N, C-alpha and C. Protein backbone atom coordinates (compact mmCIF):
# COMPACT_ATOMS: atom_id res chain seq x y z
N MET A 1 4.42 3.59 2.42
CA MET A 1 4.14 4.94 2.86
C MET A 1 5.16 5.91 2.22
N THR A 2 4.69 6.97 1.70
CA THR A 2 5.58 7.93 1.05
C THR A 2 6.13 8.93 2.09
N ALA A 3 7.40 9.28 1.86
CA ALA A 3 8.05 10.24 2.72
C ALA A 3 7.48 11.64 2.49
N ILE A 4 7.35 12.41 3.51
CA ILE A 4 6.91 13.82 3.37
C ILE A 4 8.06 14.65 2.84
N TYR A 5 7.77 15.48 1.85
CA TYR A 5 8.77 16.35 1.25
C TYR A 5 8.43 17.80 1.62
N THR A 6 9.35 18.48 2.31
CA THR A 6 9.21 19.86 2.72
C THR A 6 10.16 20.73 1.96
N TRP A 7 9.62 21.76 1.33
CA TRP A 7 10.45 22.79 0.73
C TRP A 7 10.62 23.90 1.76
N ASP A 8 11.80 24.05 2.25
CA ASP A 8 12.16 25.00 3.32
C ASP A 8 12.87 26.16 2.66
N VAL A 9 12.29 27.35 2.78
CA VAL A 9 12.86 28.48 2.04
C VAL A 9 12.81 29.73 2.89
N PHE A 10 13.84 30.57 2.80
CA PHE A 10 13.91 31.86 3.50
C PHE A 10 13.49 32.92 2.53
N SER A 11 12.80 33.98 3.05
CA SER A 11 12.31 35.06 2.19
C SER A 11 12.25 36.40 2.92
N THR A 12 12.38 37.45 2.14
CA THR A 12 12.09 38.79 2.63
C THR A 12 10.58 39.02 2.52
N LEU A 13 10.09 40.09 3.10
CA LEU A 13 8.65 40.38 2.99
C LEU A 13 8.26 40.56 1.52
N ASP A 14 9.19 41.06 0.67
CA ASP A 14 8.85 41.23 -0.73
C ASP A 14 9.27 40.02 -1.59
N SER A 15 9.39 38.88 -0.97
CA SER A 15 9.54 37.57 -1.61
C SER A 15 10.87 37.26 -2.28
N PHE A 16 11.95 37.91 -1.84
CA PHE A 16 13.24 37.59 -2.39
C PHE A 16 13.95 36.56 -1.50
N GLY A 17 14.59 35.61 -2.17
CA GLY A 17 15.29 34.55 -1.48
C GLY A 17 16.76 34.84 -1.20
N SER A 18 17.27 35.90 -1.82
CA SER A 18 18.68 36.22 -1.60
C SER A 18 18.85 37.71 -1.99
N TYR A 19 20.07 38.18 -1.86
CA TYR A 19 20.37 39.55 -2.25
C TYR A 19 21.63 39.56 -3.04
N GLY A 20 21.77 40.60 -3.88
CA GLY A 20 22.90 40.71 -4.74
C GLY A 20 24.13 41.33 -4.08
N PRO A 21 25.19 41.52 -4.86
CA PRO A 21 26.44 42.03 -4.31
C PRO A 21 26.33 43.44 -3.71
N ASP A 22 25.34 44.22 -4.11
CA ASP A 22 25.16 45.56 -3.54
C ASP A 22 24.46 45.54 -2.19
N GLY A 23 23.93 44.39 -1.81
CA GLY A 23 23.26 44.27 -0.50
C GLY A 23 24.29 43.91 0.56
N ASP A 24 24.20 44.58 1.69
CA ASP A 24 25.13 44.32 2.78
C ASP A 24 24.32 43.89 4.00
N TRP A 25 23.54 42.81 3.85
CA TRP A 25 22.63 42.41 4.89
C TRP A 25 23.29 41.45 5.90
N GLY A 26 24.16 40.57 5.43
CA GLY A 26 24.70 39.51 6.30
C GLY A 26 23.77 38.34 6.27
N GLY A 27 24.21 37.23 6.89
CA GLY A 27 23.39 36.02 6.92
C GLY A 27 22.05 36.24 7.59
N TYR A 28 21.04 35.59 7.11
CA TYR A 28 19.65 35.73 7.62
C TYR A 28 19.21 37.19 7.62
N TRP A 29 19.74 37.97 6.71
CA TRP A 29 19.42 39.39 6.56
C TRP A 29 19.71 40.13 7.89
N GLY A 30 20.58 39.58 8.71
CA GLY A 30 20.97 40.21 9.96
C GLY A 30 19.85 40.13 11.02
N LYS A 31 18.85 39.29 10.84
CA LYS A 31 17.69 39.23 11.74
C LYS A 31 17.61 37.95 12.57
N GLN A 32 18.66 37.19 12.63
CA GLN A 32 18.62 35.97 13.43
C GLN A 32 18.64 36.32 14.91
N GLY A 33 17.92 35.58 15.65
CA GLY A 33 17.91 35.73 17.10
C GLY A 33 17.97 34.35 17.74
N PRO A 34 18.06 34.28 19.05
CA PRO A 34 18.23 32.98 19.70
C PRO A 34 17.06 32.01 19.47
N GLU A 35 15.84 32.49 19.46
CA GLU A 35 14.72 31.57 19.21
C GLU A 35 14.78 31.00 17.80
N PHE A 36 15.07 31.87 16.82
CA PHE A 36 15.17 31.39 15.47
C PHE A 36 16.30 30.38 15.31
N LEU A 37 17.48 30.69 15.87
CA LEU A 37 18.62 29.78 15.73
C LEU A 37 18.36 28.45 16.46
N ASP A 38 17.73 28.49 17.62
CA ASP A 38 17.38 27.24 18.33
C ASP A 38 16.42 26.41 17.49
N ASN A 39 15.45 27.05 16.87
CA ASN A 39 14.48 26.33 16.03
C ASN A 39 15.18 25.73 14.82
N ARG A 40 16.08 26.49 14.16
CA ARG A 40 16.76 25.95 13.00
C ARG A 40 17.58 24.74 13.38
N LEU A 41 18.23 24.77 14.53
CA LEU A 41 19.00 23.64 14.98
C LEU A 41 18.10 22.42 15.21
N ALA A 42 16.94 22.67 15.83
CA ALA A 42 15.98 21.58 16.04
C ALA A 42 15.48 20.99 14.73
N VAL A 43 15.14 21.89 13.75
CA VAL A 43 14.65 21.39 12.47
C VAL A 43 15.75 20.57 11.76
N MET A 44 16.98 21.06 11.75
CA MET A 44 18.06 20.34 11.13
C MET A 44 18.45 19.09 11.91
N GLY A 45 18.12 19.06 13.20
CA GLY A 45 18.50 17.93 14.06
C GLY A 45 17.60 16.72 13.85
N GLU A 46 16.46 16.91 13.19
CA GLU A 46 15.55 15.80 12.94
C GLU A 46 16.18 14.84 11.94
N GLU A 47 15.79 13.57 12.05
CA GLU A 47 16.26 12.60 11.08
C GLU A 47 15.57 12.89 9.74
N GLN A 48 16.37 13.09 8.68
CA GLN A 48 15.85 13.47 7.38
C GLN A 48 16.91 13.35 6.31
N ARG A 49 16.51 13.47 5.08
CA ARG A 49 17.43 13.52 3.96
C ARG A 49 17.25 14.87 3.30
N LEU A 50 18.35 15.54 3.02
CA LEU A 50 18.38 16.81 2.31
C LEU A 50 18.35 16.57 0.82
N VAL A 51 17.52 17.29 0.10
CA VAL A 51 17.45 17.22 -1.36
C VAL A 51 17.74 18.60 -1.90
N LEU A 52 18.77 18.70 -2.74
CA LEU A 52 19.17 20.00 -3.28
C LEU A 52 19.32 19.95 -4.80
N GLY A 53 19.10 21.09 -5.42
CA GLY A 53 19.44 21.25 -6.83
C GLY A 53 20.93 21.54 -6.95
N ALA A 54 21.45 21.43 -8.16
CA ALA A 54 22.88 21.58 -8.37
C ALA A 54 23.37 22.97 -8.03
N ASN A 55 22.65 24.02 -8.41
CA ASN A 55 23.08 25.39 -8.11
C ASN A 55 23.17 25.68 -6.62
N THR A 56 22.15 25.27 -5.86
CA THR A 56 22.17 25.48 -4.43
C THR A 56 23.30 24.67 -3.79
N PHE A 57 23.49 23.45 -4.25
CA PHE A 57 24.55 22.64 -3.70
C PHE A 57 25.90 23.27 -3.96
N ARG A 58 26.10 23.82 -5.16
CA ARG A 58 27.36 24.51 -5.46
C ARG A 58 27.57 25.69 -4.52
N GLN A 59 26.49 26.46 -4.27
CA GLN A 59 26.57 27.62 -3.39
C GLN A 59 26.91 27.16 -1.95
N PHE A 60 26.28 26.09 -1.48
CA PHE A 60 26.53 25.57 -0.15
C PHE A 60 28.00 25.07 -0.04
N MET A 61 28.48 24.39 -1.09
CA MET A 61 29.85 23.92 -1.06
C MET A 61 30.83 25.07 -1.03
N GLU A 62 30.53 26.14 -1.80
CA GLU A 62 31.39 27.30 -1.82
C GLU A 62 31.43 28.01 -0.46
N LEU A 63 30.24 28.11 0.14
CA LEU A 63 30.15 28.83 1.44
C LEU A 63 30.62 27.97 2.64
N LEU A 64 30.21 26.72 2.66
CA LEU A 64 30.41 25.88 3.83
C LEU A 64 31.48 24.83 3.63
N GLY A 65 31.68 24.37 2.44
CA GLY A 65 32.58 23.24 2.17
C GLY A 65 33.98 23.42 2.74
N PRO A 66 34.65 24.58 2.49
CA PRO A 66 36.01 24.75 2.95
C PRO A 66 36.19 25.05 4.44
N ILE A 67 35.09 25.28 5.16
CA ILE A 67 35.19 25.62 6.59
C ILE A 67 35.40 24.34 7.39
N PRO A 68 36.44 24.32 8.25
CA PRO A 68 36.63 23.15 9.10
C PRO A 68 35.43 22.94 10.05
N GLU A 69 35.11 21.70 10.31
CA GLU A 69 33.96 21.37 11.15
C GLU A 69 33.98 22.14 12.45
N SER A 70 35.14 22.29 13.07
CA SER A 70 35.24 22.97 14.35
C SER A 70 34.89 24.45 14.29
N ASP A 71 34.92 25.03 13.07
CA ASP A 71 34.61 26.45 12.90
C ASP A 71 33.17 26.72 12.42
N LEU A 72 32.45 25.66 12.06
CA LEU A 72 31.05 25.85 11.62
C LEU A 72 30.11 26.11 12.81
N ASP A 73 29.10 26.96 12.60
CA ASP A 73 28.08 27.12 13.59
C ASP A 73 27.25 25.81 13.65
N PRO A 74 26.57 25.57 14.77
CA PRO A 74 25.83 24.31 14.95
C PRO A 74 24.78 24.02 13.84
N VAL A 75 24.07 25.04 13.38
CA VAL A 75 23.05 24.81 12.34
C VAL A 75 23.69 24.33 11.05
N ASN A 76 24.71 25.05 10.57
CA ASN A 76 25.35 24.66 9.32
C ASN A 76 26.11 23.39 9.45
N SER A 77 26.66 23.10 10.61
CA SER A 77 27.39 21.84 10.85
C SER A 77 26.38 20.68 10.71
N ARG A 78 25.22 20.83 11.30
CA ARG A 78 24.20 19.75 11.20
C ARG A 78 23.72 19.59 9.78
N MET A 79 23.48 20.74 9.10
CA MET A 79 22.97 20.65 7.71
C MET A 79 24.03 19.92 6.86
N ARG A 80 25.32 20.27 7.04
CA ARG A 80 26.36 19.66 6.20
C ARG A 80 26.50 18.18 6.50
N SER A 81 26.10 17.72 7.69
CA SER A 81 26.23 16.32 8.05
C SER A 81 25.06 15.47 7.59
N LEU A 82 23.95 16.09 7.15
CA LEU A 82 22.79 15.32 6.76
C LEU A 82 23.08 14.54 5.49
N PRO A 83 22.50 13.33 5.34
CA PRO A 83 22.57 12.67 4.05
C PRO A 83 21.93 13.57 3.01
N THR A 84 22.59 13.77 1.87
CA THR A 84 22.14 14.73 0.89
C THR A 84 22.09 14.10 -0.47
N THR A 85 20.95 14.31 -1.15
CA THR A 85 20.82 13.93 -2.57
C THR A 85 20.80 15.19 -3.37
N VAL A 86 21.71 15.27 -4.34
CA VAL A 86 21.79 16.41 -5.25
C VAL A 86 21.24 15.98 -6.58
N VAL A 87 20.18 16.64 -7.03
CA VAL A 87 19.59 16.32 -8.34
C VAL A 87 20.29 17.15 -9.38
N SER A 88 20.97 16.47 -10.30
CA SER A 88 21.77 17.22 -11.28
C SER A 88 22.08 16.37 -12.51
N THR A 89 22.21 17.05 -13.58
CA THR A 89 22.73 16.40 -14.81
C THR A 89 24.10 16.94 -15.16
N THR A 90 24.65 17.84 -14.30
CA THR A 90 25.90 18.47 -14.62
C THR A 90 27.02 18.18 -13.59
N LEU A 91 26.68 17.80 -12.39
CA LEU A 91 27.70 17.56 -11.35
C LEU A 91 28.26 16.15 -11.41
N ALA A 92 29.53 16.03 -11.12
CA ALA A 92 30.20 14.72 -11.01
C ALA A 92 31.40 14.88 -10.14
N GLY A 93 31.84 13.78 -9.54
CA GLY A 93 33.09 13.85 -8.79
C GLY A 93 32.88 13.77 -7.31
N LEU A 94 33.95 13.92 -6.59
CA LEU A 94 33.95 13.91 -5.11
C LEU A 94 33.71 15.30 -4.62
N PHE A 95 33.00 15.39 -3.49
CA PHE A 95 32.66 16.69 -2.94
C PHE A 95 33.16 16.81 -1.50
N GLU A 96 33.42 18.03 -1.07
CA GLU A 96 33.76 18.26 0.32
C GLU A 96 32.43 18.41 1.09
N TRP A 97 31.64 17.42 1.04
CA TRP A 97 30.33 17.34 1.71
C TRP A 97 30.20 15.89 2.14
N PRO A 98 30.17 15.62 3.41
CA PRO A 98 30.33 14.27 3.97
C PRO A 98 29.47 13.17 3.34
N ASP A 99 28.19 13.40 3.16
CA ASP A 99 27.29 12.30 2.73
C ASP A 99 26.44 12.75 1.55
N ALA A 100 27.10 13.29 0.52
CA ALA A 100 26.33 13.74 -0.67
C ALA A 100 26.47 12.75 -1.80
N THR A 101 25.33 12.50 -2.43
CA THR A 101 25.30 11.69 -3.66
C THR A 101 24.56 12.44 -4.72
N VAL A 102 24.96 12.25 -5.98
CA VAL A 102 24.32 12.89 -7.09
C VAL A 102 23.32 11.90 -7.70
N ALA A 103 22.10 12.36 -7.89
CA ALA A 103 21.09 11.59 -8.59
C ALA A 103 20.90 12.22 -9.94
N VAL A 104 21.32 11.48 -10.97
CA VAL A 104 21.23 12.00 -12.34
C VAL A 104 19.87 11.63 -12.90
N GLY A 105 19.24 12.56 -13.53
CA GLY A 105 17.98 12.28 -14.15
C GLY A 105 17.00 13.43 -14.00
N ASP A 106 15.80 13.21 -14.46
CA ASP A 106 14.75 14.19 -14.36
C ASP A 106 14.38 14.38 -12.89
N ALA A 107 14.34 15.61 -12.43
CA ALA A 107 14.07 15.88 -11.00
C ALA A 107 12.77 15.29 -10.51
N ILE A 108 11.75 15.34 -11.34
CA ILE A 108 10.45 14.80 -10.94
C ILE A 108 10.54 13.30 -10.71
N ASP A 109 11.23 12.59 -11.60
CA ASP A 109 11.39 11.13 -11.44
C ASP A 109 12.23 10.82 -10.22
N VAL A 110 13.34 11.56 -10.07
CA VAL A 110 14.25 11.32 -8.94
C VAL A 110 13.52 11.50 -7.60
N VAL A 111 12.79 12.62 -7.46
CA VAL A 111 12.13 12.89 -6.19
C VAL A 111 10.92 12.00 -5.96
N ALA A 112 10.21 11.65 -6.99
CA ALA A 112 9.11 10.67 -6.83
C ALA A 112 9.66 9.34 -6.32
N ARG A 113 10.79 8.89 -6.87
CA ARG A 113 11.43 7.66 -6.38
C ARG A 113 11.88 7.82 -4.94
N LEU A 114 12.52 8.95 -4.61
CA LEU A 114 12.98 9.18 -3.25
C LEU A 114 11.81 9.15 -2.26
N LYS A 115 10.69 9.74 -2.63
CA LYS A 115 9.51 9.77 -1.74
C LYS A 115 9.04 8.37 -1.48
N GLU A 116 9.10 7.50 -2.46
CA GLU A 116 8.65 6.11 -2.32
C GLU A 116 9.62 5.28 -1.47
N GLU A 117 10.93 5.54 -1.68
CA GLU A 117 11.96 4.67 -1.08
C GLU A 117 12.47 5.15 0.26
N SER A 118 12.38 6.42 0.56
CA SER A 118 13.00 6.96 1.77
C SER A 118 12.24 6.54 3.04
N GLY A 119 12.98 6.12 4.02
CA GLY A 119 12.39 5.82 5.35
C GLY A 119 12.35 7.02 6.27
N VAL A 120 12.86 8.19 5.79
CA VAL A 120 12.86 9.43 6.57
C VAL A 120 12.27 10.54 5.73
N PRO A 121 11.81 11.62 6.39
CA PRO A 121 11.29 12.75 5.63
C PRO A 121 12.41 13.39 4.75
N LEU A 122 11.93 14.06 3.70
CA LEU A 122 12.83 14.77 2.78
C LEU A 122 12.65 16.26 2.99
N ARG A 123 13.76 16.99 2.97
CA ARG A 123 13.73 18.45 3.12
C ARG A 123 14.62 19.06 2.10
N SER A 124 14.13 20.09 1.43
CA SER A 124 14.97 20.82 0.49
C SER A 124 15.05 22.27 0.96
N HIS A 125 16.25 22.79 0.93
CA HIS A 125 16.40 24.18 1.36
C HIS A 125 16.79 24.99 0.13
N GLY A 126 16.06 26.09 -0.14
CA GLY A 126 16.37 26.89 -1.32
C GLY A 126 15.97 26.14 -2.57
N SER A 127 16.94 25.96 -3.48
CA SER A 127 16.74 25.19 -4.73
C SER A 127 15.44 25.62 -5.40
N LEU A 128 15.37 26.89 -5.72
CA LEU A 128 14.11 27.51 -6.16
C LEU A 128 13.52 26.84 -7.43
N SER A 129 14.29 26.75 -8.51
CA SER A 129 13.71 26.20 -9.75
C SER A 129 13.37 24.73 -9.57
N LEU A 130 14.18 24.00 -8.85
CA LEU A 130 13.88 22.58 -8.61
C LEU A 130 12.56 22.45 -7.89
N ASN A 131 12.36 23.22 -6.83
CA ASN A 131 11.15 23.07 -6.04
C ASN A 131 9.90 23.65 -6.68
N ARG A 132 10.07 24.65 -7.50
CA ARG A 132 8.88 25.15 -8.27
C ARG A 132 8.39 24.05 -9.21
N ALA A 133 9.32 23.32 -9.84
CA ALA A 133 8.92 22.23 -10.75
C ALA A 133 8.30 21.08 -9.94
N LEU A 134 8.85 20.77 -8.78
CA LEU A 134 8.31 19.68 -7.96
C LEU A 134 6.93 20.04 -7.44
N MET A 135 6.69 21.31 -7.09
CA MET A 135 5.38 21.74 -6.63
C MET A 135 4.37 21.56 -7.78
N ALA A 136 4.75 21.96 -8.98
CA ALA A 136 3.82 21.86 -10.13
C ALA A 136 3.50 20.37 -10.37
N ALA A 137 4.43 19.46 -10.06
CA ALA A 137 4.18 18.06 -10.24
C ALA A 137 3.45 17.41 -9.07
N GLY A 138 3.16 18.18 -8.03
CA GLY A 138 2.44 17.66 -6.86
C GLY A 138 3.31 16.87 -5.91
N LEU A 139 4.62 17.07 -5.92
CA LEU A 139 5.52 16.29 -5.08
C LEU A 139 5.93 17.01 -3.79
N VAL A 140 5.57 18.28 -3.63
CA VAL A 140 5.89 19.05 -2.41
C VAL A 140 4.72 18.96 -1.48
N ASP A 141 4.93 18.38 -0.31
CA ASP A 141 3.84 18.22 0.68
C ASP A 141 3.67 19.42 1.56
N ARG A 142 4.80 20.10 1.83
CA ARG A 142 4.79 21.27 2.70
C ARG A 142 5.73 22.33 2.16
N VAL A 143 5.31 23.56 2.25
CA VAL A 143 6.18 24.71 1.94
C VAL A 143 6.37 25.43 3.28
N GLN A 144 7.60 25.46 3.73
CA GLN A 144 7.98 26.11 5.00
C GLN A 144 8.72 27.42 4.66
N VAL A 145 8.01 28.51 4.78
CA VAL A 145 8.60 29.82 4.46
C VAL A 145 8.98 30.51 5.76
N THR A 146 10.24 30.89 5.88
CA THR A 146 10.66 31.72 7.01
C THR A 146 10.78 33.11 6.47
N LEU A 147 9.93 34.01 7.00
CA LEU A 147 9.80 35.36 6.50
C LEU A 147 10.54 36.33 7.41
N PHE A 148 11.62 36.88 6.84
CA PHE A 148 12.42 37.83 7.64
C PHE A 148 11.88 39.26 7.47
N PRO A 149 11.92 40.05 8.53
CA PRO A 149 11.30 41.39 8.52
C PRO A 149 12.15 42.41 7.80
N VAL A 150 12.31 42.23 6.50
CA VAL A 150 13.04 43.20 5.69
C VAL A 150 12.39 43.29 4.33
N ILE A 151 12.60 44.40 3.67
CA ILE A 151 12.21 44.58 2.26
C ILE A 151 13.51 44.84 1.53
N SER A 152 13.78 44.05 0.53
CA SER A 152 15.02 44.23 -0.24
C SER A 152 14.75 44.58 -1.67
N GLY A 153 13.87 45.56 -1.85
CA GLY A 153 13.44 45.95 -3.19
C GLY A 153 14.59 46.39 -4.12
N GLN A 154 15.65 46.94 -3.59
CA GLN A 154 16.77 47.40 -4.39
C GLN A 154 17.83 46.31 -4.57
N THR A 155 18.03 45.47 -3.56
CA THR A 155 19.13 44.53 -3.60
C THR A 155 18.68 43.07 -3.71
N GLY A 156 17.37 42.81 -3.61
CA GLY A 156 16.90 41.45 -3.64
C GLY A 156 17.07 40.77 -4.99
N THR A 157 17.37 39.47 -4.96
CA THR A 157 17.45 38.67 -6.16
C THR A 157 16.68 37.39 -5.93
N ASP A 158 16.38 36.70 -6.99
CA ASP A 158 15.70 35.43 -6.91
C ASP A 158 14.37 35.44 -6.17
N PRO A 159 13.32 35.97 -6.78
CA PRO A 159 12.00 35.90 -6.14
C PRO A 159 11.64 34.41 -5.95
N ILE A 160 11.31 34.01 -4.75
CA ILE A 160 11.18 32.60 -4.47
C ILE A 160 10.07 31.91 -5.26
N PHE A 161 9.01 32.62 -5.57
CA PHE A 161 7.93 31.98 -6.33
C PHE A 161 7.81 32.54 -7.75
N GLY A 162 8.81 33.28 -8.20
CA GLY A 162 8.81 33.82 -9.54
C GLY A 162 8.74 32.71 -10.57
N GLY A 163 7.76 32.74 -11.47
CA GLY A 163 7.63 31.72 -12.50
C GLY A 163 6.93 30.48 -12.05
N ALA A 164 6.52 30.42 -10.78
CA ALA A 164 5.79 29.19 -10.28
C ALA A 164 4.37 29.17 -10.83
N ALA A 165 3.80 28.00 -10.77
CA ALA A 165 2.39 27.86 -11.11
C ALA A 165 1.56 28.52 -10.02
N ASP A 166 0.23 28.52 -10.20
CA ASP A 166 -0.67 29.08 -9.16
C ASP A 166 -1.02 27.98 -8.18
N PHE A 167 -1.01 28.32 -6.89
CA PHE A 167 -1.29 27.33 -5.84
C PHE A 167 -2.21 27.95 -4.79
N ASP A 168 -3.08 27.12 -4.27
CA ASP A 168 -3.83 27.44 -3.05
C ASP A 168 -3.00 26.88 -1.90
N LEU A 169 -2.93 27.62 -0.79
CA LEU A 169 -2.13 27.21 0.34
C LEU A 169 -3.01 27.07 1.60
N GLU A 170 -2.85 25.94 2.24
CA GLU A 170 -3.55 25.73 3.53
C GLU A 170 -2.50 25.86 4.62
N LEU A 171 -2.71 26.85 5.52
CA LEU A 171 -1.79 27.10 6.60
C LEU A 171 -1.97 25.98 7.65
N ILE A 172 -0.88 25.24 7.90
CA ILE A 172 -0.98 24.14 8.85
C ILE A 172 -0.20 24.42 10.12
N GLU A 173 0.70 25.41 10.10
CA GLU A 173 1.47 25.74 11.30
C GLU A 173 2.08 27.14 11.10
N HIS A 174 2.23 27.86 12.22
CA HIS A 174 2.90 29.17 12.16
C HIS A 174 3.47 29.53 13.49
N ARG A 175 4.60 30.26 13.46
CA ARG A 175 5.29 30.69 14.68
C ARG A 175 5.95 32.04 14.45
N THR A 176 6.22 32.71 15.56
CA THR A 176 7.01 33.94 15.52
C THR A 176 8.24 33.72 16.38
N PHE A 177 9.42 34.05 15.83
CA PHE A 177 10.66 33.94 16.57
C PHE A 177 11.22 35.33 16.88
N ASP A 178 11.68 35.49 18.09
CA ASP A 178 12.38 36.68 18.51
C ASP A 178 11.54 37.94 18.29
N GLY A 179 10.22 37.79 18.24
CA GLY A 179 9.32 38.93 18.13
C GLY A 179 9.21 39.53 16.77
N HIS A 180 9.88 38.94 15.74
CA HIS A 180 9.82 39.59 14.41
C HIS A 180 9.95 38.64 13.19
N THR A 181 10.42 37.44 13.36
CA THR A 181 10.60 36.55 12.21
C THR A 181 9.49 35.52 12.22
N GLN A 182 8.80 35.36 11.06
CA GLN A 182 7.66 34.47 10.98
C GLN A 182 8.05 33.17 10.26
N GLU A 183 7.57 32.06 10.77
CA GLU A 183 7.69 30.78 10.06
C GLU A 183 6.29 30.34 9.73
N LEU A 184 6.02 30.13 8.46
CA LEU A 184 4.71 29.72 7.99
C LEU A 184 4.82 28.38 7.24
N ILE A 185 4.08 27.43 7.64
CA ILE A 185 4.13 26.11 6.99
C ILE A 185 2.75 25.86 6.34
N TYR A 186 2.81 25.63 5.04
CA TYR A 186 1.61 25.46 4.22
C TYR A 186 1.58 24.13 3.53
N ARG A 187 0.38 23.66 3.22
CA ARG A 187 0.15 22.49 2.35
C ARG A 187 -0.29 23.09 1.00
N PRO A 188 0.51 22.92 -0.07
CA PRO A 188 0.17 23.51 -1.34
C PRO A 188 -0.72 22.57 -2.20
N THR A 189 -1.65 23.18 -2.88
CA THR A 189 -2.51 22.47 -3.84
C THR A 189 -2.54 23.30 -5.11
N LEU A 190 -2.26 22.64 -6.23
CA LEU A 190 -2.26 23.35 -7.52
C LEU A 190 -3.67 23.96 -7.72
N HIS A 191 -3.70 25.23 -8.04
CA HIS A 191 -4.95 25.96 -8.22
C HIS A 191 -5.55 25.56 -9.60
N ARG A 192 -6.78 25.17 -9.60
CA ARG A 192 -7.44 24.76 -10.84
C ARG A 192 -8.50 25.73 -11.24
């Protein structure tokens, strides 16, 4: 049985996954509420393996790596404790990330092997270029988009689906948190 692979990504209404140095939004674009945070903790609390691209892993290490465990919020603490596979041809060495391993090779081959071998679901957070390639290869089973109620047309960077192939999406689940943040879970199929 193959493990389910979920691409978990945060976005603004105008499809940006992050903001540049001129943006002063704060984490989660300043729109986190108790329902959203409880859900994130529940999602991260499930047994799973995290799969990240090298750039996202570097960003996570820069942001979270140096923070002592006692000072991390529960969501990031749980995320940092998950077994993590980093797909990279450039990273090497020891990391300040408890259970991270580097898988060297072509991302499609690495993730196809992980899907066959893993006894737990796979989840990737962010890692835009990695996941766009995996979607095109048919390896992403679910796209979980958390849509924050902001437009960052001036400060937004990294359009989450910029450069992706064309896909049809089947909505399989949806929720609203704190009266304003949407979580949409889709099954992607390459558009023919």
